[in-house]
């Protein structure tokens, strides 16, 4: 019954009078939920993304610091009540966290002079985060954009192609 879903401003009913309903949320999270719908189990997507996020947390800690820090970070992430709570529902917080960790890991690899695919994956991470929670993506990516500009001013030839590739992927 449409009366149960008339939650303004979260759902727009019959915006154009054509009988269709529209959500105010971007397509990043429904895109991920689509994979669960293909196998008739959309409930599995957020817990799966949580597991992948814990794995990305391990690799990020290992990339920035060392193996021990990566293990501790993954342990703390896997024991976080907030992450458990958010992964047990259909909201977009877990997919945003997954995209953010993907961005952070491959941004660190990009800055350290990683392979050509590092800025591409970092760009995909922040681009998908922009398509899931735009203001969260802006708040997270802004300091890294400032840091990227600082790196470019400091050593333009080394970082120019990496940052250009990162921005190109984000824009596309």
N, C-alpha and C. Protein backbone atom coordinates (compact mmCIF):
# COMPACT_ATOMS: atom_id res chain seq x y z
N UNK A 1 0.84 -1.18 0.00
CA UNK A 1 0.00 0.00 0.00
C UNK A 1 0.89 1.24 0.00
N UNK A 2 0.57 2.16 -0.86
CA UNK A 2 1.43 3.32 -1.01
C UNK A 2 1.45 4.23 0.22
N UNK A 3 0.43 4.14 1.06
CA UNK A 3 0.41 4.96 2.27
C UNK A 3 1.58 4.64 3.20
N UNK A 4 2.05 3.39 3.16
CA UNK A 4 3.15 2.99 4.02
C UNK A 4 4.50 3.47 3.50
N UNK A 5 4.56 3.88 2.25
CA UNK A 5 5.82 4.31 1.65
C UNK A 5 5.86 5.80 1.36
N UNK A 6 4.87 6.52 1.76
CA UNK A 6 4.83 7.95 1.53
C UNK A 6 5.61 8.66 2.63
N UNK A 7 6.92 8.50 2.59
CA UNK A 7 7.81 9.07 3.60
C UNK A 7 8.59 10.19 2.94
N UNK A 8 8.04 11.37 3.00
CA UNK A 8 8.75 12.49 2.40
C UNK A 8 9.81 12.99 3.35
N UNK A 9 10.97 13.34 2.94
CA UNK A 9 11.45 13.49 1.57
C UNK A 9 12.20 12.26 1.06
N UNK A 10 12.02 11.09 1.67
CA UNK A 10 12.80 9.92 1.27
C UNK A 10 12.25 9.22 0.03
N UNK A 11 10.98 9.30 -0.21
CA UNK A 11 10.38 8.64 -1.36
C UNK A 11 9.43 9.63 -2.03
N UNK A 12 9.53 9.73 -3.31
CA UNK A 12 8.67 10.64 -4.05
C UNK A 12 7.65 9.80 -4.80
N UNK A 13 6.40 9.94 -4.45
CA UNK A 13 5.32 9.17 -5.08
C UNK A 13 4.78 9.94 -6.29
N UNK A 14 4.68 9.26 -7.38
CA UNK A 14 4.02 9.79 -8.57
C UNK A 14 4.43 11.22 -8.86
N UNK A 15 5.73 11.41 -9.02
CA UNK A 15 6.27 12.74 -9.23
C UNK A 15 5.68 13.40 -10.48
N UNK A 16 5.54 12.63 -11.54
CA UNK A 16 5.04 13.19 -12.78
C UNK A 16 3.61 12.74 -13.08
N UNK A 17 2.99 12.11 -12.12
CA UNK A 17 1.63 11.64 -12.35
C UNK A 17 1.55 10.39 -13.21
N UNK A 18 2.67 9.68 -13.37
CA UNK A 18 2.67 8.49 -14.22
C UNK A 18 2.53 7.20 -13.41
N UNK A 19 2.29 7.31 -12.10
CA UNK A 19 2.08 6.12 -11.27
C UNK A 19 3.36 5.47 -10.80
N UNK A 20 4.52 6.02 -11.14
CA UNK A 20 5.80 5.43 -10.72
C UNK A 20 6.31 6.12 -9.47
N UNK A 21 7.13 5.41 -8.71
CA UNK A 21 7.72 5.95 -7.50
C UNK A 21 9.20 6.17 -7.75
N UNK A 22 9.75 7.17 -7.11
CA UNK A 22 11.15 7.52 -7.30
C UNK A 22 11.81 7.73 -5.94
N UNK A 23 13.02 7.28 -5.82
CA UNK A 23 13.78 7.48 -4.60
C UNK A 23 14.68 8.70 -4.78
N UNK A 24 15.03 9.33 -3.68
CA UNK A 24 15.93 10.48 -3.75
C UNK A 24 17.39 10.05 -3.67
N UNK A 25 17.64 8.76 -3.51
CA UNK A 25 19.00 8.27 -3.34
C UNK A 25 19.64 7.95 -4.69
N UNK A 26 20.95 8.19 -4.80
CA UNK A 26 21.67 7.85 -6.04
C UNK A 26 21.75 6.34 -6.27
N UNK A 27 22.29 5.96 -7.40
CA UNK A 27 22.24 4.57 -7.84
C UNK A 27 23.38 3.68 -7.37
N UNK A 28 24.35 4.18 -6.62
CA UNK A 28 25.51 3.36 -6.24
C UNK A 28 25.16 2.14 -5.40
N UNK A 29 24.33 2.32 -4.40
CA UNK A 29 23.96 1.19 -3.55
C UNK A 29 22.96 0.24 -4.23
N UNK A 30 21.93 0.75 -4.89
CA UNK A 30 21.06 -0.18 -5.62
C UNK A 30 21.81 -0.99 -6.68
N UNK A 31 22.87 -0.41 -7.23
CA UNK A 31 23.70 -1.15 -8.19
C UNK A 31 24.30 -2.39 -7.52
N UNK A 32 24.80 -2.22 -6.31
CA UNK A 32 25.36 -3.38 -5.60
C UNK A 32 24.27 -4.36 -5.18
N UNK A 33 23.13 -3.85 -4.77
CA UNK A 33 22.04 -4.72 -4.37
C UNK A 33 21.49 -5.54 -5.53
N UNK A 34 21.70 -5.03 -6.74
CA UNK A 34 21.25 -5.73 -7.93
C UNK A 34 21.90 -7.11 -8.04
N UNK A 35 23.16 -7.21 -7.64
CA UNK A 35 23.85 -8.50 -7.72
C UNK A 35 23.21 -9.52 -6.77
N UNK A 36 22.74 -9.07 -5.63
CA UNK A 36 22.03 -9.96 -4.72
C UNK A 36 20.66 -10.33 -5.26
N UNK A 37 20.03 -9.41 -5.97
CA UNK A 37 18.72 -9.71 -6.55
C UNK A 37 18.84 -10.75 -7.66
N UNK A 38 19.97 -10.78 -8.34
CA UNK A 38 20.18 -11.78 -9.40
C UNK A 38 20.15 -13.20 -8.84
N UNK A 39 20.63 -13.37 -7.61
CA UNK A 39 20.66 -14.71 -7.01
C UNK A 39 19.55 -14.90 -5.97
N UNK A 40 18.57 -14.00 -6.00
CA UNK A 40 17.44 -14.05 -5.07
C UNK A 40 17.87 -13.94 -3.61
N UNK A 41 18.93 -13.22 -3.35
CA UNK A 41 19.41 -13.04 -1.97
C UNK A 41 20.03 -11.64 -1.80
N UNK A 42 19.21 -10.58 -1.90
CA UNK A 42 19.80 -9.25 -1.72
C UNK A 42 20.33 -9.01 -0.31
N UNK A 43 19.88 -9.80 0.65
CA UNK A 43 20.32 -9.66 2.03
C UNK A 43 21.79 -10.03 2.21
N UNK A 44 22.40 -10.73 1.27
CA UNK A 44 23.77 -11.17 1.42
C UNK A 44 24.79 -10.09 1.01
N UNK A 45 24.35 -9.06 0.33
CA UNK A 45 25.28 -8.07 -0.21
C UNK A 45 25.98 -7.27 0.89
N UNK A 46 25.24 -6.71 1.84
CA UNK A 46 25.89 -5.91 2.89
C UNK A 46 26.85 -6.73 3.76
N UNK A 47 26.50 -7.93 4.22
CA UNK A 47 27.49 -8.72 4.96
C UNK A 47 28.72 -9.08 4.12
N UNK A 48 28.52 -9.34 2.83
CA UNK A 48 29.65 -9.62 1.95
C UNK A 48 30.54 -8.39 1.79
N UNK A 49 29.91 -7.23 1.63
CA UNK A 49 30.69 -5.99 1.53
C UNK A 49 31.43 -5.69 2.84
N UNK A 50 30.82 -6.04 3.97
CA UNK A 50 31.50 -5.87 5.25
C UNK A 50 32.74 -6.75 5.31
N UNK A 51 32.63 -8.00 4.90
CA UNK A 51 33.78 -8.89 4.91
C UNK A 51 34.89 -8.35 4.00
N UNK A 52 34.51 -7.86 2.83
CA UNK A 52 35.51 -7.28 1.92
C UNK A 52 36.11 -6.00 2.49
N UNK A 53 35.31 -5.23 3.23
CA UNK A 53 35.81 -4.01 3.86
C UNK A 53 36.84 -4.33 4.93
N UNK A 54 36.60 -5.37 5.71
CA UNK A 54 37.58 -5.79 6.73
C UNK A 54 38.87 -6.23 6.05
N UNK A 55 38.75 -6.92 4.94
CA UNK A 55 39.94 -7.33 4.18
C UNK A 55 40.69 -6.11 3.64
N UNK A 56 39.96 -5.14 3.12
CA UNK A 56 40.59 -3.90 2.63
C UNK A 56 41.23 -3.13 3.77
N UNK A 57 40.62 -3.17 4.96
CA UNK A 57 41.20 -2.52 6.13
C UNK A 57 42.54 -3.14 6.48
N UNK A 58 42.61 -4.44 6.40
CA UNK A 58 43.88 -5.13 6.65
C UNK A 58 44.95 -4.66 5.65
N UNK A 59 44.60 -4.67 4.38
CA UNK A 59 45.58 -4.28 3.36
C UNK A 59 45.96 -2.81 3.46
N UNK A 60 45.03 -1.95 3.87
CA UNK A 60 45.35 -0.53 4.04
C UNK A 60 46.32 -0.34 5.21
N UNK A 61 46.06 -1.01 6.33
CA UNK A 61 46.98 -0.93 7.46
C UNK A 61 48.35 -1.46 7.11
N UNK A 62 48.39 -2.53 6.34
CA UNK A 62 49.66 -3.11 5.90
C UNK A 62 50.38 -2.19 4.92
N UNK A 63 49.63 -1.54 4.03
CA UNK A 63 50.24 -0.65 3.03
C UNK A 63 50.83 0.59 3.68
N UNK A 64 50.12 1.17 4.62
CA UNK A 64 50.58 2.42 5.23
C UNK A 64 51.61 2.17 6.32
N UNK A 65 51.40 1.14 7.14
CA UNK A 65 52.30 0.88 8.25
C UNK A 65 53.01 -0.46 8.10
N UNK A 66 52.45 -1.51 8.67
CA UNK A 66 53.09 -2.82 8.59
C UNK A 66 52.04 -3.92 8.77
N UNK A 67 52.48 -5.16 8.72
CA UNK A 67 51.58 -6.32 8.83
C UNK A 67 50.81 -6.33 10.15
N UNK A 68 51.50 -6.04 11.22
CA UNK A 68 50.86 -6.07 12.54
C UNK A 68 49.74 -5.03 12.64
N UNK A 69 50.00 -3.85 12.14
CA UNK A 69 48.98 -2.80 12.16
C UNK A 69 47.78 -3.19 11.30
N UNK A 70 48.03 -3.81 10.16
CA UNK A 70 46.94 -4.27 9.31
C UNK A 70 46.07 -5.30 10.01
N UNK A 71 46.71 -6.23 10.70
CA UNK A 71 45.94 -7.25 11.43
C UNK A 71 45.11 -6.65 12.55
N UNK A 72 45.72 -5.72 13.29
CA UNK A 72 45.00 -5.07 14.39
C UNK A 72 43.83 -4.25 13.85
N UNK A 73 44.05 -3.52 12.77
CA UNK A 73 42.97 -2.72 12.17
C UNK A 73 41.83 -3.61 11.70
N UNK A 74 42.17 -4.73 11.07
CA UNK A 74 41.12 -5.65 10.61
C UNK A 74 40.37 -6.27 11.78
N UNK A 75 41.09 -6.60 12.85
CA UNK A 75 40.44 -7.16 14.03
C UNK A 75 39.47 -6.15 14.64
N UNK A 76 39.93 -4.91 14.80
CA UNK A 76 39.06 -3.88 15.39
C UNK A 76 37.86 -3.58 14.49
N UNK A 77 38.08 -3.58 13.19
CA UNK A 77 36.96 -3.35 12.26
C UNK A 77 35.95 -4.49 12.33
N UNK A 78 36.45 -5.71 12.45
CA UNK A 78 35.52 -6.85 12.48
C UNK A 78 34.75 -6.94 13.79
N UNK A 79 35.24 -6.29 14.85
CA UNK A 79 34.55 -6.31 16.14
C UNK A 79 33.70 -5.07 16.40
N UNK A 80 33.67 -4.15 15.46
CA UNK A 80 32.93 -2.91 15.65
C UNK A 80 31.42 -3.14 15.65
N UNK A 81 30.74 -2.77 16.74
CA UNK A 81 29.28 -2.95 16.78
C UNK A 81 28.56 -2.14 15.71
N UNK A 82 29.07 -0.96 15.39
CA UNK A 82 28.42 -0.13 14.38
C UNK A 82 28.44 -0.84 13.02
N UNK A 83 29.57 -1.43 12.69
CA UNK A 83 29.67 -2.12 11.40
C UNK A 83 28.77 -3.34 11.38
N UNK A 84 28.71 -4.08 12.48
CA UNK A 84 27.79 -5.22 12.54
C UNK A 84 26.35 -4.78 12.35
N UNK A 85 25.97 -3.73 13.05
CA UNK A 85 24.60 -3.24 12.97
C UNK A 85 24.26 -2.78 11.56
N UNK A 86 25.15 -2.00 10.96
CA UNK A 86 24.87 -1.46 9.64
C UNK A 86 24.89 -2.53 8.55
N UNK A 87 25.66 -3.58 8.74
CA UNK A 87 25.71 -4.61 7.69
C UNK A 87 24.52 -5.56 7.77
N UNK A 88 23.73 -5.46 8.81
CA UNK A 88 22.59 -6.36 8.94
C UNK A 88 21.31 -5.76 8.37
N UNK A 89 21.42 -4.64 7.68
CA UNK A 89 20.25 -4.02 7.08
C UNK A 89 20.55 -3.67 5.63
N UNK A 90 19.62 -3.02 4.97
CA UNK A 90 19.75 -2.75 3.55
C UNK A 90 20.22 -1.33 3.24
N UNK A 91 20.65 -0.59 4.23
CA UNK A 91 21.04 0.81 3.99
C UNK A 91 22.40 0.88 3.32
N UNK A 92 22.75 2.07 2.84
CA UNK A 92 23.93 2.23 2.00
C UNK A 92 25.22 2.57 2.75
N UNK A 93 25.23 2.47 4.05
CA UNK A 93 26.43 2.82 4.80
C UNK A 93 27.58 1.84 4.55
N UNK A 94 27.26 0.57 4.46
CA UNK A 94 28.31 -0.44 4.29
C UNK A 94 28.91 -0.35 2.89
N UNK A 95 28.08 -0.14 1.88
CA UNK A 95 28.64 -0.02 0.54
C UNK A 95 29.49 1.25 0.43
N UNK A 96 29.07 2.32 1.09
CA UNK A 96 29.89 3.54 1.09
C UNK A 96 31.22 3.30 1.79
N UNK A 97 31.19 2.59 2.90
CA UNK A 97 32.43 2.27 3.60
C UNK A 97 33.34 1.40 2.74
N UNK A 98 32.76 0.44 2.03
CA UNK A 98 33.54 -0.40 1.13
C UNK A 98 34.21 0.45 0.05
N UNK A 99 33.45 1.33 -0.59
CA UNK A 99 34.02 2.19 -1.63
C UNK A 99 35.09 3.12 -1.05
N UNK A 100 34.86 3.62 0.17
CA UNK A 100 35.84 4.51 0.80
C UNK A 100 37.14 3.77 1.08
N UNK A 101 37.04 2.55 1.59
CA UNK A 101 38.26 1.78 1.87
C UNK A 101 38.98 1.41 0.57
N UNK A 102 38.22 1.13 -0.47
CA UNK A 102 38.82 0.85 -1.78
C UNK A 102 39.59 2.08 -2.26
N UNK A 103 38.98 3.24 -2.13
CA UNK A 103 39.65 4.49 -2.51
C UNK A 103 40.90 4.73 -1.67
N UNK A 104 40.79 4.60 -0.35
CA UNK A 104 41.92 4.89 0.52
C UNK A 104 43.10 3.95 0.27
N UNK A 105 42.83 2.68 0.10
CA UNK A 105 43.91 1.71 -0.15
C UNK A 105 44.62 2.02 -1.46
N UNK A 106 43.86 2.23 -2.52
CA UNK A 106 44.52 2.42 -3.81
C UNK A 106 45.02 3.85 -3.99
N UNK A 107 44.52 4.81 -3.22
CA UNK A 107 45.13 6.13 -3.21
C UNK A 107 46.51 6.06 -2.56
N UNK A 108 46.61 5.30 -1.48
CA UNK A 108 47.92 5.12 -0.84
C UNK A 108 48.89 4.44 -1.79
N UNK A 109 48.42 3.45 -2.54
CA UNK A 109 49.28 2.78 -3.53
C UNK A 109 49.65 3.74 -4.66
N UNK A 110 48.73 4.61 -5.05
CA UNK A 110 49.01 5.59 -6.10
C UNK A 110 50.09 6.56 -5.67
N UNK A 111 49.98 7.05 -4.45
CA UNK A 111 50.97 8.02 -3.94
C UNK A 111 52.34 7.38 -3.80
N UNK A 112 52.37 6.12 -3.43
CA UNK A 112 53.64 5.42 -3.27
C UNK A 112 54.23 4.93 -4.59
N UNK A 113 53.60 5.27 -5.68
CA UNK A 113 54.14 4.90 -6.98
C UNK A 113 53.75 3.51 -7.42
N UNK A 114 52.52 3.14 -7.14
CA UNK A 114 52.05 1.81 -7.49
C UNK A 114 51.87 1.63 -8.99
N UNK A 115 51.33 0.51 -9.35
CA UNK A 115 51.10 0.18 -10.75
C UNK A 115 50.07 1.13 -11.37
N UNK A 116 49.90 1.02 -12.68
CA UNK A 116 48.99 1.90 -13.40
C UNK A 116 47.55 1.73 -12.97
N UNK A 117 47.18 0.56 -12.47
CA UNK A 117 45.80 0.32 -12.11
C UNK A 117 45.43 0.91 -10.74
N UNK A 118 46.40 1.30 -9.95
CA UNK A 118 46.10 1.86 -8.62
C UNK A 118 45.26 3.13 -8.71
N UNK A 119 45.63 4.13 -9.54
CA UNK A 119 44.75 5.31 -9.62
C UNK A 119 43.40 5.01 -10.26
N UNK A 120 43.35 4.00 -11.12
CA UNK A 120 42.07 3.63 -11.74
C UNK A 120 41.12 3.08 -10.68
N UNK A 121 41.61 2.17 -9.85
CA UNK A 121 40.75 1.59 -8.81
C UNK A 121 40.40 2.63 -7.76
N UNK A 122 41.34 3.52 -7.42
CA UNK A 122 41.04 4.60 -6.47
C UNK A 122 39.95 5.51 -7.04
N UNK A 123 40.03 5.81 -8.31
CA UNK A 123 39.00 6.63 -8.95
C UNK A 123 37.66 5.95 -8.99
N UNK A 124 37.65 4.63 -9.24
CA UNK A 124 36.40 3.89 -9.22
C UNK A 124 35.80 3.92 -7.81
N UNK A 125 36.66 3.79 -6.80
CA UNK A 125 36.18 3.82 -5.42
C UNK A 125 35.52 5.14 -5.07
N UNK A 126 36.17 6.24 -5.37
CA UNK A 126 35.59 7.54 -5.01
C UNK A 126 34.42 7.87 -5.94
N UNK A 127 34.46 7.42 -7.18
CA UNK A 127 33.34 7.65 -8.09
C UNK A 127 32.09 6.90 -7.64
N UNK A 128 32.25 5.65 -7.24
CA UNK A 128 31.10 4.88 -6.75
C UNK A 128 30.60 5.44 -5.41
N UNK A 129 31.53 5.95 -4.61
CA UNK A 129 31.12 6.56 -3.35
C UNK A 129 30.29 7.83 -3.64
N UNK A 130 30.66 8.56 -4.69
CA UNK A 130 29.89 9.74 -5.07
C UNK A 130 28.50 9.35 -5.57
N UNK A 131 28.38 8.16 -6.14
CA UNK A 131 27.09 7.68 -6.61
C UNK A 131 26.29 6.98 -5.53
N UNK A 132 26.85 6.86 -4.35
CA UNK A 132 26.14 6.24 -3.23
C UNK A 132 25.76 7.28 -2.18
N UNK A 133 26.74 8.03 -1.71
CA UNK A 133 26.51 9.09 -0.72
C UNK A 133 27.38 10.28 -1.13
N UNK A 134 26.84 11.19 -1.94
CA UNK A 134 27.66 12.26 -2.52
C UNK A 134 28.34 13.17 -1.50
N UNK A 135 27.64 13.55 -0.44
CA UNK A 135 28.24 14.47 0.53
C UNK A 135 29.32 13.79 1.35
N UNK A 136 29.14 12.52 1.64
CA UNK A 136 30.18 11.76 2.32
C UNK A 136 31.42 11.66 1.44
N UNK A 137 31.21 11.41 0.16
CA UNK A 137 32.33 11.33 -0.78
C UNK A 137 33.07 12.66 -0.86
N UNK A 138 32.34 13.73 -0.90
CA UNK A 138 32.96 15.06 -0.96
C UNK A 138 33.78 15.32 0.30
N UNK A 139 33.21 15.01 1.45
CA UNK A 139 33.91 15.24 2.71
C UNK A 139 35.16 14.38 2.83
N UNK A 140 35.10 13.15 2.34
CA UNK A 140 36.26 12.26 2.43
C UNK A 140 37.31 12.61 1.39
N UNK A 141 36.90 12.92 0.17
CA UNK A 141 37.86 13.13 -0.91
C UNK A 141 38.52 14.51 -0.88
N UNK A 142 37.90 15.49 -0.24
CA UNK A 142 38.45 16.84 -0.24
C UNK A 142 39.88 16.91 0.31
N UNK A 143 40.17 16.36 1.50
CA UNK A 143 41.54 16.45 1.99
C UNK A 143 42.54 15.73 1.09
N UNK A 144 42.11 14.64 0.46
CA UNK A 144 43.00 13.92 -0.44
C UNK A 144 43.23 14.69 -1.74
N UNK A 145 42.23 15.47 -2.15
CA UNK A 145 42.42 16.36 -3.29
C UNK A 145 43.44 17.45 -2.98
N UNK A 146 43.34 18.02 -1.78
CA UNK A 146 44.32 19.04 -1.37
C UNK A 146 45.72 18.42 -1.28
N UNK A 147 45.80 17.22 -0.72
CA UNK A 147 47.09 16.53 -0.63
C UNK A 147 47.65 16.22 -2.02
N UNK A 148 46.78 15.86 -2.95
CA UNK A 148 47.22 15.59 -4.32
C UNK A 148 47.77 16.84 -4.97
N UNK A 149 47.11 17.97 -4.74
CA UNK A 149 47.64 19.24 -5.28
C UNK A 149 49.00 19.56 -4.69
N UNK A 150 49.16 19.31 -3.41
CA UNK A 150 50.46 19.55 -2.76
C UNK A 150 51.53 18.65 -3.38
N UNK A 151 51.19 17.39 -3.63
CA UNK A 151 52.14 16.48 -4.27
C UNK A 151 52.51 16.95 -5.67
N UNK A 152 51.53 17.46 -6.40
CA UNK A 152 51.79 17.95 -7.75
C UNK A 152 52.71 19.18 -7.73
N UNK A 153 52.49 20.08 -6.80
CA UNK A 153 53.36 21.25 -6.70
C UNK A 153 54.76 20.87 -6.24
N UNK A 154 54.85 19.84 -5.44
CA UNK A 154 56.15 19.40 -4.92
C UNK A 154 56.97 18.64 -5.96
N UNK A 155 56.32 17.76 -6.70
CA UNK A 155 57.05 16.95 -7.68
C UNK A 155 56.10 16.61 -8.83
N UNK A 156 55.90 17.55 -9.73
CA UNK A 156 54.92 17.41 -10.80
C UNK A 156 55.20 16.23 -11.73
N UNK A 157 56.43 16.04 -12.21
CA UNK A 157 56.64 14.95 -13.18
C UNK A 157 56.34 13.56 -12.61
N UNK A 158 56.60 13.36 -11.34
CA UNK A 158 56.39 12.04 -10.75
C UNK A 158 54.92 11.71 -10.58
N UNK A 159 54.13 12.68 -10.16
CA UNK A 159 52.74 12.42 -9.79
C UNK A 159 51.71 12.84 -10.84
N UNK A 160 52.12 13.55 -11.88
CA UNK A 160 51.14 14.14 -12.80
C UNK A 160 50.30 13.09 -13.52
N UNK A 161 50.90 12.07 -14.08
CA UNK A 161 50.11 11.10 -14.84
C UNK A 161 49.21 10.27 -13.93
N UNK A 162 49.68 9.99 -12.70
CA UNK A 162 48.84 9.23 -11.77
C UNK A 162 47.61 10.02 -11.35
N UNK A 163 47.82 11.28 -10.99
CA UNK A 163 46.70 12.10 -10.55
C UNK A 163 45.76 12.42 -11.71
N UNK A 164 46.32 12.59 -12.90
CA UNK A 164 45.47 12.83 -14.07
C UNK A 164 44.60 11.62 -14.36
N UNK A 165 45.17 10.42 -14.25
CA UNK A 165 44.40 9.20 -14.46
C UNK A 165 43.32 9.04 -13.39
N UNK A 166 43.66 9.36 -12.15
CA UNK A 166 42.68 9.30 -11.05
C UNK A 166 41.51 10.23 -11.32
N UNK A 167 41.80 11.47 -11.68
CA UNK A 167 40.74 12.45 -11.94
C UNK A 167 39.93 12.03 -13.16
N UNK A 168 40.58 11.51 -14.18
CA UNK A 168 39.88 11.08 -15.38
C UNK A 168 38.87 9.97 -15.07
N UNK A 169 39.26 9.03 -14.23
CA UNK A 169 38.34 7.94 -13.86
C UNK A 169 37.18 8.48 -13.02
N UNK A 170 37.46 9.41 -12.11
CA UNK A 170 36.39 9.99 -11.29
C UNK A 170 35.38 10.73 -12.16
N UNK A 171 35.87 11.48 -13.13
CA UNK A 171 35.00 12.26 -13.99
C UNK A 171 34.16 11.37 -14.90
N UNK A 172 34.76 10.28 -15.35
CA UNK A 172 34.02 9.38 -16.26
C UNK A 172 33.08 8.54 -15.47
